[in-house]
Amino acid sequence: VSATIEEDYSTWTAQQMATAPDILIEDKVFDFGEIKQNVKVEHA
């Protein structure tokens, strides 16, 4: 049994959309290059 639980924004007015939050993540991909086994890599 599967479902995708998301808020329904189809009924929002133009005013609601204009005052809505706006998420920005500029760098969505982090390439940690080449590492050895048993090593931890951290990225924010």
Full PDB file with SEQRES, HELIX, SHEET, SSBOND, CRYST1, ORIGX, SCALE, CONECT and MASTER records, all heavy atoms in Angstrom:
SEQRES   1 A   44  VAL SER ALA THR ILE GLU GLU ASP TYR SER THR TRP THR          
SEQRES   2 A   44  ALA GLN GLN MET ALA THR ALA PRO ASP ILE LEU ILE GLU          
SEQRES   3 A   44  ASP LYS VAL PHE ASP PHE GLY GLU ILE LYS GLN ASN VAL          
SEQRES   4 A   44  LYS VAL GLU HIS ALA                                          
HELIX    1 AA1 ALA A   14  ALA A   18  1                                   5    
CRYST1    1.000    1.000    1.000  90.00  90.00  90.00 P 1           1          
ORIGX1      1.000000  0.000000  0.000000        0.00000                         
ORIGX2      0.000000  1.000000  0.000000        0.00000                         
ORIGX3      0.000000  0.000000  1.000000        0.00000                         
SCALE1      1.000000  0.000000  0.000000        0.00000                         
SCALE2      0.000000  1.000000  0.000000        0.00000                         
SCALE3      0.000000  0.000000  1.000000        0.00000                         
ATOM      1  N   VAL A   1       0.862  -1.182   0.000  1.00  0.00           N  
ATOM      2  CA  VAL A   1       0.000   0.000   0.000  1.00  0.00           C  
ATOM      3  C   VAL A   1       0.899   1.231   0.000  1.00  0.00           C  
ATOM      4  O   VAL A   1       1.719   1.406   0.905  1.00  0.00           O  
ATOM      5  CB  VAL A   1      -0.932   0.021   1.231  1.00  0.00           C  
ATOM      6  CG1 VAL A   1      -1.850   1.234   1.168  1.00  0.00           C  
ATOM      7  CG2 VAL A   1      -1.739  -1.266   1.311  1.00  0.00           C  
ATOM      8  N   SER A   2       0.763   2.074  -1.019  1.00  0.00           N  
ATOM      9  CA  SER A   2       1.630   3.247  -1.125  1.00  0.00           C  
ATOM     10  C   SER A   2       0.801   4.514  -1.276  1.00  0.00           C  
ATOM     11  O   SER A   2      -0.346   4.487  -1.747  1.00  0.00           O  
ATOM     12  CB  SER A   2       2.577   3.112  -2.324  1.00  0.00           C  
ATOM     13  OG  SER A   2       1.853   3.170  -3.538  1.00  0.00           O  
ATOM     14  N   ALA A   3       1.409   5.609  -0.864  1.00  0.00           N  
ATOM     15  CA  ALA A   3       0.776   6.922  -1.000  1.00  0.00           C  
ATOM     16  C   ALA A   3       1.861   7.987  -1.005  1.00  0.00           C  
ATOM     17  O   ALA A   3       2.948   7.791  -0.453  1.00  0.00           O  
ATOM     18  CB  ALA A   3      -0.217   7.171   0.136  1.00  0.00           C  
ATOM     19  N   THR A   4       1.572   9.099  -1.648  1.00  0.00           N  
ATOM     20  CA  THR A   4       2.438  10.277  -1.590  1.00  0.00           C  
ATOM     21  C   THR A   4       1.670  11.369  -0.863  1.00  0.00           C  
ATOM     22  O   THR A   4       0.696  11.918  -1.391  1.00  0.00           O  
ATOM     23  CB  THR A   4       2.836  10.745  -2.997  1.00  0.00           C  
ATOM     24  OG1 THR A   4       3.538   9.694  -3.668  1.00  0.00           O  
ATOM     25  CG2 THR A   4       3.738  11.966  -2.916  1.00  0.00           C  
ATOM     26  N   ILE A   5       2.081  11.652   0.373  1.00  0.00           N  
ATOM     27  CA  ILE A   5       1.364  12.605   1.212  1.00  0.00           C  
ATOM     28  C   ILE A   5       1.955  13.994   0.992  1.00  0.00           C  
ATOM     29  O   ILE A   5       3.104  14.270   1.353  1.00  0.00           O  
ATOM     30  CB  ILE A   5       1.446  12.197   2.694  1.00  0.00           C  
ATOM     31  CG1 ILE A   5       0.889  10.780   2.874  1.00  0.00           C  
ATOM     32  CG2 ILE A   5       0.691  13.185   3.578  1.00  0.00           C  
ATOM     33  CD1 ILE A   5       1.037  10.227   4.269  1.00  0.00           C  
ATOM     34  N   GLU A   6       1.183  14.839   0.366  1.00  0.00           N  
ATOM     35  CA  GLU A   6       1.605  16.212   0.057  1.00  0.00           C  
ATOM     36  C   GLU A   6       0.431  17.158   0.243  1.00  0.00           C  
ATOM     37  O   GLU A   6      -0.734  16.782   0.021  1.00  0.00           O  
ATOM     38  CB  GLU A   6       2.108  16.322  -1.386  1.00  0.00           C  
ATOM     39  CG  GLU A   6       3.366  15.546  -1.680  1.00  0.00           C  
ATOM     40  CD  GLU A   6       3.796  15.682  -3.126  1.00  0.00           C  
ATOM     41  OE1 GLU A   6       2.968  16.110  -3.955  1.00  0.00           O  
ATOM     42  OE2 GLU A   6       4.962  15.360  -3.416  1.00  0.00           O  
ATOM     43  N   GLU A   7       0.747  18.374   0.602  1.00  0.00           N  
ATOM     44  CA  GLU A   7      -0.291  19.389   0.705  1.00  0.00           C  
ATOM     45  C   GLU A   7      -0.809  19.754  -0.679  1.00  0.00           C  
ATOM     46  O   GLU A   7      -0.056  19.758  -1.657  1.00  0.00           O  
ATOM     47  CB  GLU A   7       0.247  20.630   1.419  1.00  0.00           C  
ATOM     48  CG  GLU A   7       0.520  20.398   2.894  1.00  0.00           C  
ATOM     49  CD  GLU A   7       1.210  21.585   3.555  1.00  0.00           C  
ATOM     50  OE1 GLU A   7       2.265  21.991   3.059  1.00  0.00           O  
ATOM     51  OE2 GLU A   7       0.690  22.077   4.560  1.00  0.00           O  
ATOM     52  N   ASP A   8      -2.088  20.085  -0.762  1.00  0.00           N  
ATOM     53  CA  ASP A   8      -2.716  20.457  -2.029  1.00  0.00           C  
ATOM     54  C   ASP A   8      -2.750  21.981  -2.143  1.00  0.00           C  
ATOM     55  O   ASP A   8      -3.484  22.653  -1.425  1.00  0.00           O  
ATOM     56  CB  ASP A   8      -4.129  19.877  -2.089  1.00  0.00           C  
ATOM     57  CG  ASP A   8      -4.817  20.166  -3.415  1.00  0.00           C  
ATOM     58  OD1 ASP A   8      -4.133  20.669  -4.339  1.00  0.00           O  
ATOM     59  OD2 ASP A   8      -6.021  19.897  -3.535  1.00  0.00           O  
ATOM     60  N   TYR A   9      -1.940  22.496  -3.059  1.00  0.00           N  
ATOM     61  CA  TYR A   9      -1.869  23.952  -3.238  1.00  0.00           C  
ATOM     62  C   TYR A   9      -2.662  24.426  -4.451  1.00  0.00           C  
ATOM     63  O   TYR A   9      -2.584  25.598  -4.822  1.00  0.00           O  
ATOM     64  CB  TYR A   9      -0.408  24.382  -3.400  1.00  0.00           C  
ATOM     65  CG  TYR A   9       0.459  24.054  -2.208  1.00  0.00           C  
ATOM     66  CD1 TYR A   9       1.328  22.967  -2.233  1.00  0.00           C  
ATOM     67  CD2 TYR A   9       0.411  24.832  -1.056  1.00  0.00           C  
ATOM     68  CE1 TYR A   9       2.133  22.664  -1.142  1.00  0.00           C  
ATOM     69  CE2 TYR A   9       1.201  24.531   0.046  1.00  0.00           C  
ATOM     70  CZ  TYR A   9       2.061  23.450  -0.013  1.00  0.00           C  
ATOM     71  OH  TYR A   9       2.852  23.148   1.071  1.00  0.00           O  
ATOM     72  N   SER A  10      -3.429  23.529  -5.068  1.00  0.00           N  
ATOM     73  CA  SER A  10      -4.132  23.898  -6.301  1.00  0.00           C  
ATOM     74  C   SER A  10      -5.215  24.951  -6.073  1.00  0.00           C  
ATOM     75  O   SER A  10      -5.595  25.659  -7.010  1.00  0.00           O  
ATOM     76  CB  SER A  10      -4.757  22.648  -6.934  1.00  0.00           C  
ATOM     77  OG  SER A  10      -5.708  22.052  -6.052  1.00  0.00           O  
ATOM     78  N   THR A  11      -5.725  25.052  -4.845  1.00  0.00           N  
ATOM     79  CA  THR A  11      -6.790  26.023  -4.575  1.00  0.00           C  
ATOM     80  C   THR A  11      -6.254  27.344  -4.017  1.00  0.00           C  
ATOM     81  O   THR A  11      -7.039  28.232  -3.692  1.00  0.00           O  
ATOM     82  CB  THR A  11      -7.803  25.428  -3.582  1.00  0.00           C  
ATOM     83  OG1 THR A  11      -7.126  25.094  -2.362  1.00  0.00           O  
ATOM     84  CG2 THR A  11      -8.443  24.168  -4.149  1.00  0.00           C  
ATOM     85  N   TRP A  12      -4.950  27.477  -3.879  1.00  0.00           N  
ATOM     86  CA  TRP A  12      -4.384  28.705  -3.329  1.00  0.00           C  
ATOM     87  C   TRP A  12      -4.613  29.882  -4.280  1.00  0.00           C  
ATOM     88  O   TRP A  12      -4.525  29.742  -5.503  1.00  0.00           O  
ATOM     89  CB  TRP A  12      -2.884  28.530  -3.069  1.00  0.00           C  
ATOM     90  CG  TRP A  12      -2.585  27.904  -1.745  1.00  0.00           C  
ATOM     91  CD1 TRP A  12      -3.323  26.975  -1.096  1.00  0.00           C  
ATOM     92  CD2 TRP A  12      -1.445  28.157  -0.918  1.00  0.00           C  
ATOM     93  NE1 TRP A  12      -2.732  26.619   0.096  1.00  0.00           N  
ATOM     94  CE2 TRP A  12      -1.573  27.336   0.231  1.00  0.00           C  
ATOM     95  CE3 TRP A  12      -0.336  28.978  -1.034  1.00  0.00           C  
ATOM     96  CZ2 TRP A  12      -0.631  27.327   1.247  1.00  0.00           C  
ATOM     97  CZ3 TRP A  12       0.604  28.963  -0.017  1.00  0.00           C  
ATOM     98  CH2 TRP A  12       0.456  28.157   1.114  1.00  0.00           C  
ATOM     99  N   THR A  13      -4.850  31.035  -3.680  1.00  0.00           N  
ATOM    100  CA  THR A  13      -5.029  32.253  -4.465  1.00  0.00           C  
ATOM    101  C   THR A  13      -3.668  32.843  -4.822  1.00  0.00           C  
ATOM    102  O   THR A  13      -2.625  32.443  -4.278  1.00  0.00           O  
ATOM    103  CB  THR A  13      -5.839  33.279  -3.672  1.00  0.00           C  
ATOM    104  OG1 THR A  13      -5.076  33.680  -2.513  1.00  0.00           O  
ATOM    105  CG2 THR A  13      -7.179  32.701  -3.226  1.00  0.00           C  
ATOM    106  N   ALA A  14      -3.692  33.828  -5.727  1.00  0.00           N  
ATOM    107  CA  ALA A  14      -2.455  34.497  -6.116  1.00  0.00           C  
ATOM    108  C   ALA A  14      -1.821  35.202  -4.922  1.00  0.00           C  
ATOM    109  O   ALA A  14      -0.589  35.254  -4.790  1.00  0.00           O  
ATOM    110  CB  ALA A  14      -2.732  35.495  -7.237  1.00  0.00           C  
ATOM    111  N   GLN A  15      -2.665  35.733  -4.022  1.00  0.00           N  
ATOM    112  CA  GLN A  15      -2.152  36.397  -2.832  1.00  0.00           C  
ATOM    113  C   GLN A  15      -1.451  35.412  -1.908  1.00  0.00           C  
ATOM    114  O   GLN A  15      -0.382  35.706  -1.350  1.00  0.00           O  
ATOM    115  CB  GLN A  15      -3.309  37.095  -2.088  1.00  0.00           C  
ATOM    116  CG  GLN A  15      -2.925  37.769  -0.780  1.00  0.00           C  
ATOM    117  CD  GLN A  15      -1.921  38.899  -0.967  1.00  0.00           C  
ATOM    118  OE1 GLN A  15      -1.872  39.516  -2.048  1.00  0.00           O  
ATOM    119  NE2 GLN A  15      -1.130  39.197   0.064  1.00  0.00           N  
ATOM    120  N   GLN A  16      -2.031  34.227  -1.731  1.00  0.00           N  
ATOM    121  CA  GLN A  16      -1.402  33.207  -0.897  1.00  0.00           C  
ATOM    122  C   GLN A  16      -0.057  32.769  -1.479  1.00  0.00           C  
ATOM    123  O   GLN A  16       0.922  32.587  -0.747  1.00  0.00           O  
ATOM    124  CB  GLN A  16      -2.334  32.002  -0.756  1.00  0.00           C  
ATOM    125  CG  GLN A  16      -3.525  32.223   0.159  1.00  0.00           C  
ATOM    126  CD  GLN A  16      -4.448  31.022   0.196  1.00  0.00           C  
ATOM    127  OE1 GLN A  16      -4.920  30.574  -0.855  1.00  0.00           O  
ATOM    128  NE2 GLN A  16      -4.703  30.508   1.380  1.00  0.00           N  
ATOM    129  N   MET A  17      -0.001  32.600  -2.791  1.00  0.00           N  
ATOM    130  CA  MET A  17       1.249  32.199  -3.430  1.00  0.00           C  
ATOM    131  C   MET A  17       2.307  33.295  -3.296  1.00  0.00           C  
ATOM    132  O   MET A  17       3.497  33.011  -3.118  1.00  0.00           O  
ATOM    133  CB  MET A  17       1.010  31.881  -4.906  1.00  0.00           C  
ATOM    134  CG  MET A  17       0.099  30.685  -5.156  1.00  0.00           C  
ATOM    135  SD  MET A  17       0.760  29.110  -4.542  1.00  0.00           S  
ATOM    136  CE  MET A  17       2.079  28.827  -5.725  1.00  0.00           C  
ATOM    137  N   ALA A  18       1.877  34.537  -3.353  1.00  0.00           N  
ATOM    138  CA  ALA A  18       2.824  35.651  -3.273  1.00  0.00           C  
ATOM    139  C   ALA A  18       3.452  35.773  -1.894  1.00  0.00           C  
ATOM    140  O   ALA A  18       4.581  36.258  -1.754  1.00  0.00           O  
ATOM    141  CB  ALA A  18       2.128  36.958  -3.652  1.00  0.00           C  
ATOM    142  N   THR A  19       2.734  35.345  -0.866  1.00  0.00           N  
ATOM    143  CA  THR A  19       3.245  35.457   0.502  1.00  0.00           C  
ATOM    144  C   THR A  19       3.755  34.114   1.039  1.00  0.00           C  
ATOM    145  O   THR A  19       4.002  33.979   2.236  1.00  0.00           O  
ATOM    146  CB  THR A  19       2.143  35.987   1.433  1.00  0.00           C  
ATOM    147  OG1 THR A  19       1.011  35.112   1.367  1.00  0.00           O  
ATOM    148  CG2 THR A  19       1.719  37.393   1.013  1.00  0.00           C  
ATOM    149  N   ALA A  20       3.925  33.127   0.166  1.00  0.00           N  
ATOM    150  CA  ALA A  20       4.335  31.780   0.585  1.00  0.00           C  
ATOM    151  C   ALA A  20       5.830  31.707   0.864  1.00  0.00           C  
ATOM    152  O   ALA A  20       6.598  32.579   0.449  1.00  0.00           O  
ATOM    153  CB  ALA A  20       3.971  30.769  -0.508  1.00  0.00           C  
ATOM    154  N   PRO A  21       6.291  30.702   1.579  1.00  0.00           N  
ATOM    155  CA  PRO A  21       7.723  30.482   1.753  1.00  0.00           C  
ATOM    156  C   PRO A  21       8.365  30.070   0.429  1.00  0.00           C  
ATOM    157  O   PRO A  21       7.691  29.547  -0.460  1.00  0.00           O  
ATOM    158  CB  PRO A  21       7.796  29.354   2.784  1.00  0.00           C  
ATOM    159  CG  PRO A  21       6.496  28.639   2.652  1.00  0.00           C  
ATOM    160  CD  PRO A  21       5.487  29.670   2.285  1.00  0.00           C  
ATOM    161  N   ASP A  22       9.662  30.295   0.322  1.00  0.00           N  
ATOM    162  CA  ASP A  22      10.395  29.977  -0.909  1.00  0.00           C  
ATOM    163  C   ASP A  22      11.737  29.360  -0.521  1.00  0.00           C  
ATOM    164  O   ASP A  22      12.647  30.062  -0.081  1.00  0.00           O  
ATOM    165  CB  ASP A  22      10.596  31.239  -1.751  1.00  0.00           C  
ATOM    166  CG  ASP A  22      11.291  30.962  -3.068  1.00  0.00           C  
ATOM    167  OD1 ASP A  22      11.580  29.783  -3.354  1.00  0.00           O  
ATOM    168  OD2 ASP A  22      11.552  31.921  -3.826  1.00  0.00           O  
ATOM    169  N   ILE A  23      11.856  28.031  -0.660  1.00  0.00           N  
ATOM    170  CA  ILE A  23      13.075  27.342  -0.261  1.00  0.00           C  
ATOM    171  C   ILE A  23      14.147  27.481  -1.340  1.00  0.00           C  
ATOM    172  O   ILE A  23      13.867  27.357  -2.529  1.00  0.00           O  
ATOM    173  CB  ILE A  23      12.793  25.851   0.043  1.00  0.00           C  
ATOM    174  CG1 ILE A  23      14.044  25.175   0.598  1.00  0.00           C  
ATOM    175  CG2 ILE A  23      12.276  25.123  -1.187  1.00  0.00           C  
ATOM    176  CD1 ILE A  23      13.787  23.760   1.107  1.00  0.00           C  
ATOM    177  N   LEU A  24      15.372  27.770  -0.909  1.00  0.00           N  
ATOM    178  CA  LEU A  24      16.493  27.892  -1.836  1.00  0.00           C  
ATOM    179  C   LEU A  24      17.679  27.101  -1.302  1.00  0.00           C  
ATOM    180  O   LEU A  24      18.154  27.340  -0.192  1.00  0.00           O  
ATOM    181  CB  LEU A  24      16.891  29.359  -2.020  1.00  0.00           C  
ATOM    182  CG  LEU A  24      18.140  29.604  -2.878  1.00  0.00           C  
ATOM    183  CD1 LEU A  24      17.909  29.168  -4.312  1.00  0.00           C  
ATOM    184  CD2 LEU A  24      18.567  31.065  -2.811  1.00  0.00           C  
ATOM    185  N   ILE A  25      18.133  26.130  -2.106  1.00  0.00           N  
ATOM    186  CA  ILE A  25      19.373  25.391  -1.828  1.00  0.00           C  
ATOM    187  C   ILE A  25      20.193  25.475  -3.107  1.00  0.00           C  
ATOM    188  O   ILE A  25      19.898  24.781  -4.082  1.00  0.00           O  
ATOM    189  CB  ILE A  25      19.095  23.921  -1.428  1.00  0.00           C  
ATOM    190  CG1 ILE A  25      18.134  23.865  -0.239  1.00  0.00           C  
ATOM    191  CG2 ILE A  25      20.407  23.209  -1.089  1.00  0.00           C  
ATOM    192  CD1 ILE A  25      17.746  22.450   0.164  1.00  0.00           C  
ATOM    193  N   GLU A  26      21.180  26.348  -3.131  1.00  0.00           N  
ATOM    194  CA  GLU A  26      21.903  26.609  -4.379  1.00  0.00           C  
ATOM    195  C   GLU A  26      22.713  25.406  -4.843  1.00  0.00           C  
ATOM    196  O   GLU A  26      22.684  25.039  -6.015  1.00  0.00           O  
ATOM    197  CB  GLU A  26      22.804  27.831  -4.214  1.00  0.00           C  
ATOM    198  CG  GLU A  26      22.031  29.146  -4.108  1.00  0.00           C  
ATOM    199  CD  GLU A  26      22.946  30.341  -4.151  1.00  0.00           C  
ATOM    200  OE1 GLU A  26      24.169  30.152  -3.972  1.00  0.00           O  
ATOM    201  OE2 GLU A  26      22.450  31.457  -4.357  1.00  0.00           O  
ATOM    202  N   ASP A  27      23.457  24.781  -3.951  1.00  0.00           N  
ATOM    203  CA  ASP A  27      24.288  23.630  -4.323  1.00  0.00           C  
ATOM    204  C   ASP A  27      23.600  22.352  -3.856  1.00  0.00           C  
ATOM    205  O   ASP A  27      23.670  21.990  -2.686  1.00  0.00           O  
ATOM    206  CB  ASP A  27      25.683  23.749  -3.710  1.00  0.00           C  
ATOM    207  CG  ASP A  27      26.422  24.974  -4.216  1.00  0.00           C  
ATOM    208  OD1 ASP A  27      26.296  25.272  -5.412  1.00  0.00           O  
ATOM    209  OD2 ASP A  27      27.106  25.630  -3.413  1.00  0.00           O  
ATOM    210  N   LYS A  28      22.964  21.671  -4.803  1.00  0.00           N  
ATOM    211  CA  LYS A  28      22.190  20.467  -4.454  1.00  0.00           C  
ATOM    212  C   LYS A  28      23.006  19.183  -4.593  1.00  0.00           C  
ATOM    213  O   LYS A  28      22.523  18.108  -4.237  1.00  0.00           O  
ATOM    214  CB  LYS A  28      20.939  20.377  -5.318  1.00  0.00           C  
ATOM    215  CG  LYS A  28      19.962  21.539  -5.139  1.00  0.00           C  
ATOM    216  CD  LYS A  28      18.721  21.320  -5.983  1.00  0.00           C  
ATOM    217  CE  LYS A  28      17.752  22.471  -5.836  1.00  0.00           C  
ATOM    218  NZ  LYS A  28      18.298  23.729  -6.411  1.00  0.00           N  
ATOM    219  N   VAL A  29      24.214  19.281  -5.146  1.00  0.00           N  
ATOM    220  CA  VAL A  29      25.047  18.093  -5.345  1.00  0.00           C  
ATOM    221  C   VAL A  29      26.410  18.325  -4.691  1.00  0.00           C  
ATOM    222  O   VAL A  29      27.056  19.353  -4.926  1.00  0.00           O  
ATOM    223  CB  VAL A  29      25.239  17.779  -6.844  1.00  0.00           C  
ATOM    224  CG1 VAL A  29      26.136  16.555  -7.021  1.00  0.00           C  
ATOM    225  CG2 VAL A  29      23.899  17.557  -7.523  1.00  0.00           C  
ATOM    226  N   PHE A  30      26.836  17.382  -3.859  1.00  0.00           N  
ATOM    227  CA  PHE A  30      28.165  17.435  -3.246  1.00  0.00           C  
ATOM    228  C   PHE A  30      28.962  16.219  -3.698  1.00  0.00           C  
ATOM    229  O   PHE A  30      28.566  15.075  -3.459  1.00  0.00           O  
ATOM    230  CB  PHE A  30      28.066  17.458  -1.719  1.00  0.00           C  
ATOM    231  CG  PHE A  30      29.397  17.334  -1.036  1.00  0.00           C  
ATOM    232  CD1 PHE A  30      30.359  18.331  -1.155  1.00  0.00           C  
ATOM    233  CD2 PHE A  30      29.709  16.207  -0.280  1.00  0.00           C  
ATOM    234  CE1 PHE A  30      31.591  18.210  -0.535  1.00  0.00           C  
ATOM    235  CE2 PHE A  30      30.934  16.077   0.335  1.00  0.00           C  
ATOM    236  CZ  PHE A  30      31.885  17.085   0.204  1.00  0.00           C  
ATOM    237  N   ASP A  31      30.075  16.476  -4.364  1.00  0.00           N  
ATOM    238  CA  ASP A  31      30.960  15.405  -4.832  1.00  0.00           C  
ATOM    239  C   ASP A  31      32.139  15.316  -3.863  1.00  0.00           C  
ATOM    240  O   ASP A  31      32.956  16.234  -3.788  1.00  0.00           O  
ATOM    241  CB  ASP A  31      31.441  15.705  -6.247  1.00  0.00           C  
ATOM    242  CG  ASP A  31      32.168  14.520  -6.879  1.00  0.00           C  
ATOM    243  OD1 ASP A  31      32.682  13.663  -6.128  1.00  0.00           O  
ATOM    244  OD2 ASP A  31      32.235  14.453  -8.120  1.00  0.00           O  
ATOM    245  N   PHE A  32      32.208  14.202  -3.112  1.00  0.00           N  
ATOM    246  CA  PHE A  32      33.293  14.069  -2.132  1.00  0.00           C  
ATOM    247  C   PHE A  32      34.541  13.430  -2.740  1.00  0.00           C  
ATOM    248  O   PHE A  32      35.505  13.130  -2.030  1.00  0.00           O  
ATOM    249  CB  PHE A  32      32.829  13.277  -0.898  1.00  0.00           C  
ATOM    250  CG  PHE A  32      32.231  11.926  -1.182  1.00  0.00           C  
ATOM    251  CD1 PHE A  32      33.033  10.835  -1.473  1.00  0.00           C  
ATOM    252  CD2 PHE A  32      30.854  11.749  -1.145  1.00  0.00           C  
ATOM    253  CE1 PHE A  32      32.487   9.596  -1.718  1.00  0.00           C  
ATOM    254  CE2 PHE A  32      30.294  10.503  -1.389  1.00  0.00           C  
ATOM    255  CZ  PHE A  32      31.115   9.426  -1.676  1.00  0.00           C  
ATOM    256  N   GLY A  33      34.529  13.227  -4.068  1.00  0.00           N  
ATOM    257  CA  GLY A  33      35.722  12.736  -4.749  1.00  0.00           C  
ATOM    258  C   GLY A  33      35.991  11.275  -4.455  1.00  0.00           C  
ATOM    259  O   GLY A  33      35.082  10.444  -4.487  1.00  0.00           O  
ATOM    260  N   GLU A  34      37.232  10.968  -4.130  1.00  0.00           N  
ATOM    261  CA  GLU A  34      37.642   9.589  -3.873  1.00  0.00           C  
ATOM    262  C   GLU A  34      38.073   9.438  -2.425  1.00  0.00           C  
ATOM    263  O   GLU A  34      38.926  10.177  -1.950  1.00  0.00           O  
ATOM    264  CB  GLU A  34      38.780   9.187  -4.812  1.00  0.00           C  
ATOM    265  CG  GLU A  34      39.161   7.716  -4.756  1.00  0.00           C  
ATOM    266  CD  GLU A  34      40.219   7.352  -5.777  1.00  0.00           C  
ATOM    267  OE1 GLU A  34      39.873   7.203  -6.965  1.00  0.00           O  
ATOM    268  OE2 GLU A  34      41.408   7.238  -5.385  1.00  0.00           O  
ATOM    269  N   ILE A  35      37.460   8.479  -1.723  1.00  0.00           N  
ATOM    270  CA  ILE A  35      37.809   8.249  -0.322  1.00  0.00           C  
ATOM    271  C   ILE A  35      38.006   6.753  -0.109  1.00  0.00           C  
ATOM    272  O   ILE A  35      37.578   5.928  -0.918  1.00  0.00           O  
ATOM    273  CB  ILE A  35      36.720   8.771   0.638  1.00  0.00           C  
ATOM    274  CG1 ILE A  35      35.389   8.038   0.395  1.00  0.00           C  
ATOM    275  CG2 ILE A  35      36.540  10.277   0.507  1.00  0.00           C  
ATOM    276  CD1 ILE A  35      34.305   8.382   1.401  1.00  0.00           C  
ATOM    277  N   LYS A  36      38.642   6.410   1.010  1.00  0.00           N  
ATOM    278  CA  LYS A  36      38.849   5.016   1.355  1.00  0.00           C  
ATOM    279  C   LYS A  36      37.672   4.491   2.173  1.00  0.00           C  
ATOM    280  O   LYS A  36      36.851   5.256   2.679  1.00  0.00           O  
ATOM    281  CB  LYS A  36      40.147   4.848   2.149  1.00  0.00           C  
ATOM    282  CG  LYS A  36      41.399   5.183   1.338  1.00  0.00           C  
ATOM    283  CD  LYS A  36      42.651   4.963   2.172  1.00  0.00           C  
ATOM    284  CE  LYS A  36      43.901   5.267   1.353  1.00  0.00           C  
ATOM    285  NZ  LYS A  36      45.148   5.040   2.144  1.00  0.00           N  
ATOM    286  N   GLN A  37      37.620   3.168   2.317  1.00  0.00           N  
ATOM    287  CA  GLN A  37      36.588   2.566   3.145  1.00  0.00           C  
ATOM    288  C   GLN A  37      36.779   2.946   4.610  1.00  0.00           C  
ATOM    289  O   GLN A  37      37.878   3.282   5.036  1.00  0.00           O  
ATOM    290  CB  GLN A  37      36.611   1.040   2.994  1.00  0.00           C  
ATOM    291  CG  GLN A  37      36.035   0.542   1.675  1.00  0.00           C  
ATOM    292  CD  GLN A  37      36.000  -0.965   1.612  1.00  0.00           C  
ATOM    293  OE1 GLN A  37      36.773  -1.644   2.284  1.00  0.00           O  
ATOM    294  NE2 GLN A  37      35.096  -1.520   0.817  1.00  0.00           N  
ATOM    295  N   ASN A  38      35.641   2.910   5.357  1.00  0.00           N  
ATOM    296  CA  ASN A  38      35.631   3.219   6.792  1.00  0.00           C  
ATOM    297  C   ASN A  38      35.960   4.680   7.075  1.00  0.00           C  
ATOM    298  O   ASN A  38      36.479   5.010   8.142  1.00  0.00           O  
ATOM    299  CB  ASN A  38      36.589   2.297   7.554  1.00  0.00           C  
ATOM    300  CG  ASN A  38      36.235   0.833   7.394  1.00  0.00           C  
ATOM    301  OD1 ASN A  38      35.063   0.465   7.458  1.00  0.00           O  
ATOM    302  ND2 ASN A  38      37.233  -0.003   7.153  1.00  0.00           N  
ATOM    303  N   VAL A  39      35.671   5.549   6.099  1.00  0.00           N  
ATOM    304  CA  VAL A  39      35.880   6.988   6.271  1.00  0.00           C  
ATOM    305  C   VAL A  39      34.521   7.676   6.216  1.00  0.00           C  
ATOM    306  O   VAL A  39      33.667   7.327   5.408  1.00  0.00           O  
ATOM    307  CB  VAL A  39      36.803   7.546   5.167  1.00  0.00           C  
ATOM    308  CG1 VAL A  39      36.856   9.072   5.227  1.00  0.00           C  
ATOM    309  CG2 VAL A  39      38.200   6.955   5.307  1.00  0.00           C  
ATOM    310  N   LYS A  40      34.335   8.648   7.101  1.00  0.00           N  
ATOM    311  CA  LYS A  40      33.103   9.439   7.102  1.00  0.00           C  
ATOM    312  C   LYS A  40      33.347  10.778   6.425  1.00  0.00           C  
ATOM    313  O   LYS A  40      34.366  11.426   6.651  1.00  0.00           O  
ATOM    314  CB  LYS A  40      32.602   9.665   8.527  1.00  0.00           C  
ATOM    315  CG  LYS A  40      32.067   8.416   9.202  1.00  0.00           C  
ATOM    316  CD  LYS A  40      31.500   8.752  10.574  1.00  0.00           C  
ATOM    317  CE  LYS A  40      30.921   7.502  11.251  1.00  0.00           C  
ATOM    318  NZ  LYS A  40      30.359   7.831  12.591  1.00  0.00           N  
ATOM    319  N   VAL A  41      32.382  11.174   5.579  1.00  0.00           N  
ATOM    320  CA  VAL A  41      32.442  12.460   4.892  1.00  0.00           C  
ATOM    321  C   VAL A  41      31.225  13.267   5.311  1.00  0.00           C  
ATOM    322  O   VAL A  41      30.099  12.775   5.288  1.00  0.00           O  
ATOM    323  CB  VAL A  41      32.464  12.283   3.362  1.00  0.00           C  
ATOM    324  CG1 VAL A  41      32.446  13.643   2.682  1.00  0.00           C  
ATOM    325  CG2 VAL A  41      33.688  11.500   2.926  1.00  0.00           C  
ATOM    326  N   GLU A  42      31.450  14.513   5.675  1.00  0.00           N  
ATOM    327  CA  GLU A  42      30.362  15.368   6.147  1.00  0.00           C  
ATOM    328  C   GLU A  42      30.228  16.583   5.242  1.00  0.00           C  
ATOM    329  O   GLU A  42      31.218  17.168   4.802  1.00  0.00           O  
ATOM    330  CB  GLU A  42      30.640  15.806   7.577  1.00  0.00           C  
ATOM    331  CG  GLU A  42      29.543  16.680   8.187  1.00  0.00           C  
ATOM    332  CD  GLU A  42      29.850  17.042   9.628  1.00  0.00           C  
ATOM    333  OE1 GLU A  42      29.955  16.107  10.456  1.00  0.00           O  
ATOM    334  OE2 GLU A  42      29.982  18.245   9.915  1.00  0.00           O  
ATOM    335  N   HIS A  43      28.969  16.939   4.941  1.00  0.00           N  
ATOM    336  CA  HIS A  43      28.727  18.132   4.132  1.00  0.00           C  
ATOM    337  C   HIS A  43      27.468  18.826   4.638  1.00  0.00           C  
ATOM    338  O   HIS A  43      26.465  18.183   4.975  1.00  0.00           O  
ATOM    339  CB  HIS A  43      28.554  17.783   2.656  1.00  0.00           C  
ATOM    340  CG  HIS A  43      28.281  18.981   1.793  1.00  0.00           C  
ATOM    341  ND1 HIS A  43      29.248  19.925   1.508  1.00  0.00           N  
ATOM    342  CD2 HIS A  43      27.145  19.391   1.167  1.00  0.00           C  
ATOM    343  CE1 HIS A  43      28.729  20.855   0.725  1.00  0.00           C  
ATOM    344  NE2 HIS A  43      27.454  20.563   0.514  1.00  0.00           N  
ATOM    345  N   ALA A  44      27.512  20.163   4.665  1.00  0.00           N  
ATOM    346  CA  ALA A  44      26.373  20.962   5.119  1.00  0.00           C  
ATOM    347  C   ALA A  44      25.730  21.658   3.919  1.00  0.00           C  
ATOM    348  O   ALA A  44      26.366  22.466   3.238  1.00  0.00           O  
ATOM    349  CB  ALA A  44      26.824  21.993   6.153  1.00  0.00           C  
TER     350      ALA A  44                                                      
MASTER        0    0    0    1    0    0    0    6  349    1    0    4          
END                                                                             
